[in-house]
Amino acid sequence: MLNWKIPAITGAAALAVLLAGCGGLNTGAASSAPASGTAAGAAKPAACSDAQPYLAVALPNLTNPYYVAMKKGFEEEGASAGFKVEVQVANDDDANQLAQVQAMLQKKPCALALNAVKSEPAAAIVKAANDAGVPVFTVNVIVDEEALKAQGATIMQYLGADNKAGGQQTAEQILKDLGADATLNIGFVTEPDERPVVIRDEGFTEGMSSNPNAKVVAKVDGNVKPDDSLKVTSEMMQGHPEINVIFASTGPAAYGAIQATEGKDVKVYGFCAAEEPLTDSYPACVAQEPEDYGRRVVQQISGWKGGGEVQPEILRPLKMFVKPETPGAGFVG
């Protein structure tokens, strides 16, 4: 993952910058027309006709409970659907993920299911699969559209959380809990190099825009790792003691922020840390269902293999949890 840290952005300027970014990728309901960089149809590899077609799956890591759950979904649903599933784990290394996929492509899969390490480098992986005649079904991490265009590469489908709606849901819950016009000095613990996380931030910012007394005080890169998030959250609050709300854009960011704010009058909201009880200081979170996403991607590939049409984009709703609930193991940010 990233080793660099973005500088803090202060005051109303940050809110304006974030709002300006909302005109990027269309994250509305799935369209009947292919999105840019999406293949409307692709020839099926000969391997799809095998008695037990080979399905290649590429994941970033297994240190995040999110990917442990997703791996289970791919393997169990894949076996049920008659696929021979191979899952490769890149340990958060883009070059490693590319090499792993290239090795799997040599085995002539029916399809590649890709949860990329990073959005932009993933375009090279998609291009490698395109060149091998293997369709790519992406999940969770959006492959950068401009990078896809530069590579001349296309995907069959993207399936993942409705990230913008998740950010908006979180903002709405904060305004419900703390007041529609409450004075809110907000710190973000985010990951600026992951497009889905940026979309969450955009949705949250839009949702908070109705409160004239809410402002973004600082924004730091938690690197989608609990330890990194703990460190940068602590540093952010030392530099900005006025922060009273933290929006954690990922589950690992939430873990770190919860630890960093222990004993302080700061509330943490955001995407759920799995199996972390909700409390007065961590009042609510929204959760994805990565095991279900893995299962659904297998179902989409199976349907396509059988002649069915493929939607270019499938966005799944997020589940809101509030205190004193505890998100179960399958519900993570």
Protein backbone atom coordinates (compact mmCIF):
# COMPACT_ATOMS: atom_id res chain seq x y z
CA MET A 1 0.00 0.00 0.00
CA LEU A 2 1.02 3.67 -0.03
CA ASN A 3 3.95 4.74 2.11
CA TRP A 4 3.53 8.46 1.56
CA LYS A 5 1.13 10.62 3.53
CA ILE A 6 -0.95 13.39 2.01
CA PRO A 7 -0.68 16.80 3.68
CA ALA A 8 -3.51 17.96 5.89
CA ILE A 9 -6.08 20.17 4.16
CA THR A 10 -7.63 22.73 6.39
CA GLY A 11 -10.85 24.63 6.77
CA ALA A 12 -13.61 25.33 4.29
CA ALA A 13 -11.18 24.96 1.39
CA ALA A 14 -11.08 21.24 2.01
CA LEU A 15 -14.84 20.96 1.78
CA ALA A 16 -14.80 22.90 -1.47
CA VAL A 17 -12.05 20.71 -2.91
CA LEU A 18 -13.91 17.56 -2.00
CA LEU A 19 -17.15 18.83 -3.45
CA ALA A 20 -15.35 19.75 -6.65
CA GLY A 21 -14.19 16.16 -6.95
CA CYS A 22 -17.73 14.79 -7.00
CA GLY A 23 -18.02 15.12 -10.76
CA GLY A 24 -15.79 12.09 -11.43
CA LEU A 25 -16.85 8.53 -12.05
CA ASN A 26 -20.60 8.04 -12.31
CA THR A 27 -21.54 5.92 -9.31
CA GLY A 28 -25.29 5.92 -9.76
CA ALA A 29 -27.44 2.89 -10.43
CA ALA A 30 -26.11 0.34 -12.91
CA SER A 31 -26.67 1.43 -16.48
CA SER A 32 -27.87 -0.68 -19.38
CA ALA A 33 -25.09 0.83 -21.49
CA PRO A 34 -21.47 -0.15 -20.95
CA ALA A 35 -19.40 2.31 -18.96
CA SER A 36 -16.15 3.62 -20.38
CA GLY A 37 -13.59 0.84 -20.39
CA THR A 38 -16.27 -1.84 -20.23
CA ALA A 39 -16.70 -4.59 -22.81
CA ALA A 40 -20.34 -5.06 -23.82
CA GLY A 41 -19.59 -8.61 -24.88
CA ALA A 42 -16.54 -10.79 -25.25
CA ALA A 43 -15.77 -14.11 -26.86
CA LYS A 44 -15.74 -16.94 -24.36
CA PRO A 45 -12.40 -18.70 -23.92
CA ALA A 46 -12.41 -22.37 -24.89
CA ALA A 47 -11.72 -23.19 -21.22
CA CYS A 48 -15.28 -22.12 -20.37
CA SER A 49 -16.50 -25.32 -22.06
CA ASP A 50 -14.39 -27.55 -19.81
CA ALA A 51 -16.19 -29.91 -17.44
CA GLN A 52 -14.69 -27.91 -14.56
CA PRO A 53 -13.71 -24.47 -15.91
CA TYR A 54 -10.73 -22.78 -14.29
CA LEU A 55 -11.53 -19.48 -12.57
CA ALA A 56 -8.62 -17.20 -11.66
CA VAL A 57 -9.10 -14.88 -8.67
CA ALA A 58 -6.66 -12.12 -7.64
CA LEU A 59 -6.92 -10.48 -4.20
CA PRO A 60 -4.74 -7.83 -2.51
CA ASN A 61 -4.12 -9.47 0.90
CA LEU A 62 -5.50 -11.71 3.62
CA THR A 63 -4.54 -9.45 6.54
CA ASN A 64 -7.74 -7.44 6.10
CA PRO A 65 -10.83 -9.44 7.25
CA TYR A 66 -12.58 -8.03 4.18
CA TYR A 67 -10.53 -10.19 1.83
CA VAL A 68 -10.70 -13.26 4.06
CA ALA A 69 -14.48 -13.08 3.75
CA MET A 70 -14.33 -12.44 0.00
CA LYS A 71 -11.99 -15.40 -0.55
CA LYS A 72 -14.47 -17.65 1.21
CA GLY A 73 -17.27 -16.40 -1.05
CA PHE A 74 -15.27 -17.04 -4.21
CA GLU A 75 -14.14 -20.52 -3.17
CA GLU A 76 -17.47 -21.79 -1.85
CA GLU A 77 -19.65 -20.34 -4.62
CA GLY A 78 -17.08 -21.33 -7.24
CA ALA A 79 -17.10 -24.95 -6.10
CA SER A 80 -20.90 -24.94 -6.03
CA ALA A 81 -21.03 -23.55 -9.58
CA GLY A 82 -18.62 -26.20 -10.86
CA PHE A 83 -15.49 -24.05 -11.24
CA LYS A 84 -11.94 -24.95 -10.30
CA VAL A 85 -11.03 -21.80 -8.35
CA GLU A 86 -7.49 -20.57 -7.76
CA VAL A 87 -7.03 -17.55 -5.48
CA GLN A 88 -3.74 -15.65 -5.55
CA VAL A 89 -2.93 -13.07 -2.85
CA ALA A 90 -0.57 -10.22 -3.76
CA ASN A 91 0.40 -9.01 -0.26
CA ASP A 92 -0.45 -5.46 -1.33
CA ASP A 93 2.18 -5.40 -4.09
CA ASP A 94 1.07 -4.22 -7.55
CA ALA A 95 3.95 -5.88 -9.39
CA ASN A 96 3.36 -9.10 -7.50
CA GLN A 97 -0.31 -9.07 -8.43
CA LEU A 98 0.53 -8.55 -12.10
CA ALA A 99 3.01 -11.45 -12.02
CA GLN A 100 0.47 -13.69 -10.28
CA VAL A 101 -2.20 -12.92 -12.85
CA GLN A 102 0.22 -13.47 -15.73
CA ALA A 103 1.02 -16.90 -14.28
CA MET A 104 -2.68 -17.75 -13.95
CA LEU A 105 -3.34 -16.59 -17.50
CA GLN A 106 -0.86 -19.20 -18.69
CA LYS A 107 -3.27 -21.81 -17.32
CA LYS A 108 -6.02 -20.53 -19.65
CA PRO A 109 -8.84 -19.55 -17.27
CA CYS A 110 -12.44 -19.08 -18.31
CA ALA A 111 -12.41 -15.69 -16.56
CA LEU A 112 -10.40 -13.50 -14.19
CA ALA A 113 -12.02 -12.04 -11.06
CA LEU A 114 -9.89 -9.08 -10.02
CA ASN A 115 -9.85 -7.16 -6.75
CA ALA A 116 -6.89 -4.97 -7.56
CA VAL A 117 -4.29 -3.76 -5.09
CA LYS A 118 -4.49 -0.25 -6.57
CA SER A 119 -6.79 1.34 -9.12
CA GLU A 120 -4.29 2.73 -11.63
CA PRO A 121 -1.71 -0.11 -11.84
CA ALA A 122 -4.60 -2.57 -12.25
CA ALA A 123 -5.08 -1.39 -15.84
CA ALA A 124 -1.94 -3.32 -16.84
CA ILE A 125 -3.45 -6.46 -15.35
CA VAL A 126 -6.65 -5.96 -17.31
CA LYS A 127 -4.63 -5.42 -20.48
CA ALA A 128 -2.70 -8.65 -19.91
CA ALA A 129 -5.97 -10.55 -19.53
CA ASN A 130 -7.43 -8.87 -22.64
CA ASP A 131 -4.37 -9.90 -24.65
CA ALA A 132 -4.84 -13.47 -23.44
CA GLY A 133 -8.50 -13.43 -24.45
CA VAL A 134 -9.71 -13.75 -20.86
CA PRO A 135 -12.64 -11.58 -19.66
CA VAL A 136 -12.13 -9.56 -16.48
CA PHE A 137 -14.78 -9.17 -13.80
CA THR A 138 -13.66 -6.58 -11.25
CA VAL A 139 -14.84 -6.34 -7.66
CA ASN A 140 -14.49 -3.76 -4.89
CA VAL A 141 -11.59 -1.70 -6.32
CA ILE A 142 -12.47 0.28 -9.43
CA VAL A 143 -9.82 0.15 -12.15
CA ASP A 144 -8.86 3.70 -13.10
CA GLU A 145 -10.76 4.70 -16.24
CA GLU A 146 -8.04 6.90 -17.68
CA ALA A 147 -5.45 4.17 -17.15
CA LEU A 148 -7.74 1.68 -18.92
CA LYS A 149 -8.04 4.06 -21.87
CA ALA A 150 -4.27 4.53 -21.99
CA GLN A 151 -3.80 0.76 -22.04
CA GLY A 152 -6.61 0.20 -24.55
CA ALA A 153 -8.07 -2.25 -22.05
CA THR A 154 -11.64 -3.20 -21.13
CA ILE A 155 -13.43 -5.00 -18.32
CA MET A 156 -16.65 -6.99 -18.46
CA GLN A 157 -18.11 -5.78 -15.18
CA TYR A 158 -17.57 -3.96 -11.92
CA LEU A 159 -19.37 -5.21 -8.79
CA GLY A 160 -19.02 -3.55 -5.43
CA ALA A 161 -20.58 -1.41 -2.74
CA ASP A 162 -22.53 1.71 -3.54
CA ASN A 163 -19.72 3.69 -1.95
CA LYS A 164 -21.18 7.12 -2.53
CA ALA A 165 -24.43 6.11 -0.86
CA GLY A 166 -22.44 4.68 2.05
CA GLY A 167 -20.72 8.01 2.61
CA GLN A 168 -24.03 9.82 2.39
CA GLN A 169 -25.67 7.39 4.86
CA THR A 170 -22.90 8.07 7.35
CA ALA A 171 -23.28 11.84 7.05
CA GLU A 172 -27.04 11.56 7.52
CA GLN A 173 -26.53 9.49 10.68
CA ILE A 174 -24.11 12.07 12.12
CA LEU A 175 -26.58 14.88 11.50
CA LYS A 176 -29.32 12.78 13.08
CA ASP A 177 -27.19 11.95 16.13
CA LEU A 178 -25.44 15.28 16.71
CA GLY A 179 -27.83 17.80 15.19
CA ALA A 180 -28.54 19.21 11.75
CA ASP A 181 -26.71 22.47 12.55
CA ALA A 182 -24.19 21.23 15.13
CA THR A 183 -20.67 22.66 15.08
CA LEU A 184 -18.63 19.83 13.57
CA ASN A 185 -14.89 19.95 13.06
CA ILE A 186 -14.25 16.88 10.96
CA GLY A 187 -11.10 14.88 10.38
CA PHE A 188 -10.90 12.32 7.58
CA VAL A 189 -8.90 9.09 7.84
CA THR A 190 -8.95 8.00 4.23
CA GLU A 191 -6.92 6.50 1.37
CA PRO A 192 -6.56 8.93 -1.56
CA ASP A 193 -5.15 6.36 -3.97
CA GLU A 194 -8.21 4.08 -3.88
CA ARG A 195 -11.04 5.32 -6.07
CA PRO A 196 -13.83 3.60 -4.06
CA VAL A 197 -12.56 5.29 -0.89
CA VAL A 198 -12.46 8.68 -2.62
CA ILE A 199 -16.07 8.11 -3.72
CA ARG A 200 -17.03 7.41 -0.10
CA ASP A 201 -15.43 10.70 0.93
CA GLU A 202 -17.33 12.51 -1.81
CA GLY A 203 -20.64 11.00 -0.71
CA PHE A 204 -19.95 11.92 2.90
CA THR A 205 -19.03 15.50 1.96
CA GLU A 206 -22.20 15.89 -0.08
CA GLY A 207 -24.25 14.52 2.80
CA MET A 208 -22.70 16.99 5.25
CA SER A 209 -23.11 20.00 2.96
CA SER A 210 -26.54 20.83 4.40
CA ASN A 211 -24.93 21.79 7.72
CA PRO A 212 -23.33 25.25 7.46
CA ASN A 213 -21.47 24.64 10.73
CA ALA A 214 -19.65 21.54 9.52
CA LYS A 215 -16.14 21.91 8.16
CA VAL A 216 -13.27 19.64 7.23
CA VAL A 217 -10.32 20.45 9.47
CA ALA A 218 -7.81 17.89 8.21
CA LYS A 219 -7.50 14.81 6.04
CA VAL A 220 -4.87 12.06 6.44
CA ASP A 221 -3.96 8.83 4.68
CA GLY A 222 -4.61 5.76 6.82
CA ASN A 223 -3.25 3.44 4.14
CA VAL A 224 -6.11 0.95 4.76
CA LYS A 225 -4.08 -0.40 7.71
CA PRO A 226 -5.03 -0.20 11.40
CA ASP A 227 -1.54 0.65 12.66
CA ASP A 228 -1.01 3.36 10.05
CA SER A 229 -4.47 4.76 10.77
CA LEU A 230 -3.77 4.85 14.51
CA LYS A 231 -0.55 6.76 13.91
CA VAL A 232 -1.87 9.36 11.49
CA THR A 233 -5.10 9.87 13.46
CA SER A 234 -3.09 10.54 16.61
CA GLU A 235 -0.89 13.01 14.72
CA MET A 236 -3.92 14.68 13.13
CA MET A 237 -5.58 15.25 16.51
CA GLN A 238 -2.37 16.58 18.05
CA GLY A 239 -2.20 19.14 15.26
CA HIS A 240 -5.94 19.85 15.31
CA PRO A 241 -7.29 19.47 18.86
CA GLU A 242 -10.57 21.08 17.78
CA ILE A 243 -11.60 17.92 15.85
CA ASN A 244 -14.75 16.43 17.37
CA VAL A 245 -15.81 14.01 14.60
CA ILE A 246 -13.74 11.58 12.55
CA PHE A 247 -14.94 9.99 9.33
CA ALA A 248 -13.08 6.73 8.79
CA SER A 249 -13.41 5.74 5.13
CA THR A 250 -12.38 2.08 5.60
CA GLY A 251 -12.70 -0.63 8.23
CA PRO A 252 -8.97 -0.59 9.06
CA ALA A 253 -9.15 3.21 9.34
CA ALA A 254 -11.98 2.82 11.83
CA TYR A 255 -9.94 0.38 13.94
CA GLY A 256 -7.05 2.84 14.12
CA ALA A 257 -9.24 5.88 14.75
CA ILE A 258 -11.13 4.13 17.58
CA GLN A 259 -7.84 3.42 19.36
CA ALA A 260 -6.48 6.91 18.72
CA THR A 261 -9.58 8.61 20.17
CA GLU A 262 -9.90 6.46 23.28
CA GLY A 263 -10.62 8.69 26.28
CA LYS A 264 -11.14 11.78 24.09
CA ASP A 265 -14.34 13.68 23.35
CA VAL A 266 -14.27 12.67 19.68
CA LYS A 267 -16.81 10.51 17.86
CA VAL A 268 -15.79 8.09 15.13
CA TYR A 269 -18.16 7.29 12.27
CA GLY A 270 -17.51 5.57 8.96
CA PHE A 271 -17.15 2.15 7.38
CA CYS A 272 -17.37 -0.70 9.87
CA ALA A 273 -14.53 -2.34 11.70
CA ALA A 274 -15.65 -5.98 11.73
CA GLU A 275 -16.86 -7.31 15.08
CA GLU A 276 -16.08 -4.00 16.80
CA PRO A 277 -18.94 -3.07 19.20
CA LEU A 278 -20.61 0.27 18.59
CA THR A 279 -20.46 2.63 21.56
CA ASP A 280 -21.04 6.26 22.56
CA SER A 281 -17.69 7.19 21.00
CA TYR A 282 -18.14 4.92 17.95
CA PRO A 283 -21.90 5.34 17.44
CA ALA A 284 -22.56 4.07 13.90
CA CYS A 285 -21.01 2.57 10.81
CA VAL A 286 -21.96 1.23 7.39
CA ALA A 287 -20.86 -2.20 6.23
CA GLN A 288 -20.16 -4.05 3.05
CA GLU A 289 -20.65 -7.81 2.61
CA PRO A 290 -17.49 -9.02 0.86
CA GLU A 291 -18.31 -12.71 1.10
CA ASP A 292 -21.55 -11.96 -0.72
CA TYR A 293 -19.65 -9.93 -3.34
CA GLY A 294 -17.39 -12.91 -4.07
CA ARG A 295 -20.41 -15.15 -4.44
CA ARG A 296 -22.17 -12.67 -6.71
CA VAL A 297 -19.16 -12.29 -8.99
CA VAL A 298 -19.04 -16.07 -9.43
CA GLN A 299 -22.76 -16.04 -10.20
CA GLN A 300 -22.24 -13.29 -12.79
CA ILE A 301 -19.42 -15.24 -14.46
CA SER A 302 -21.48 -18.44 -14.41
CA GLY A 303 -24.45 -16.65 -15.96
CA TRP A 304 -22.26 -15.07 -18.64
CA LYS A 305 -20.68 -18.46 -19.38
CA GLY A 306 -24.18 -19.82 -19.91
CA GLY A 307 -25.09 -17.11 -22.41
CA GLY A 308 -26.60 -14.49 -20.12
CA GLU A 309 -26.12 -10.74 -20.46
CA VAL A 310 -23.70 -8.90 -18.21
CA GLN A 311 -24.51 -5.59 -16.53
CA PRO A 312 -21.45 -3.33 -16.75
CA GLU A 313 -21.89 -2.16 -13.15
CA ILE A 314 -23.59 -3.64 -10.09
CA LEU A 315 -23.68 -1.52 -6.94
CA ARG A 316 -24.74 -3.18 -3.72
CA PRO A 317 -26.41 -1.34 -0.80
CA LEU A 318 -24.62 -0.99 2.52
CA LYS A 319 -26.04 -1.93 5.90
CA MET A 320 -26.13 0.64 8.70
CA PHE A 321 -25.29 -0.44 12.23
CA VAL A 322 -25.88 1.76 15.29
CA LYS A 323 -25.01 1.44 18.98
CA PRO A 324 -25.29 -0.94 20.82
CA GLU A 325 -25.09 -3.27 17.80
CA THR A 326 -21.94 -5.13 16.78
CA PRO A 327 -21.35 -5.86 13.08
CA GLY A 328 -20.79 -9.58 12.53
CA ALA A 329 -17.71 -11.10 10.95
CA GLY A 330 -19.18 -10.83 7.44
CA PHE A 331 -19.98 -7.12 7.71
CA VAL A 332 -16.87 -5.02 7.18
CA GLY A 333 -15.76 -1.68 5.81
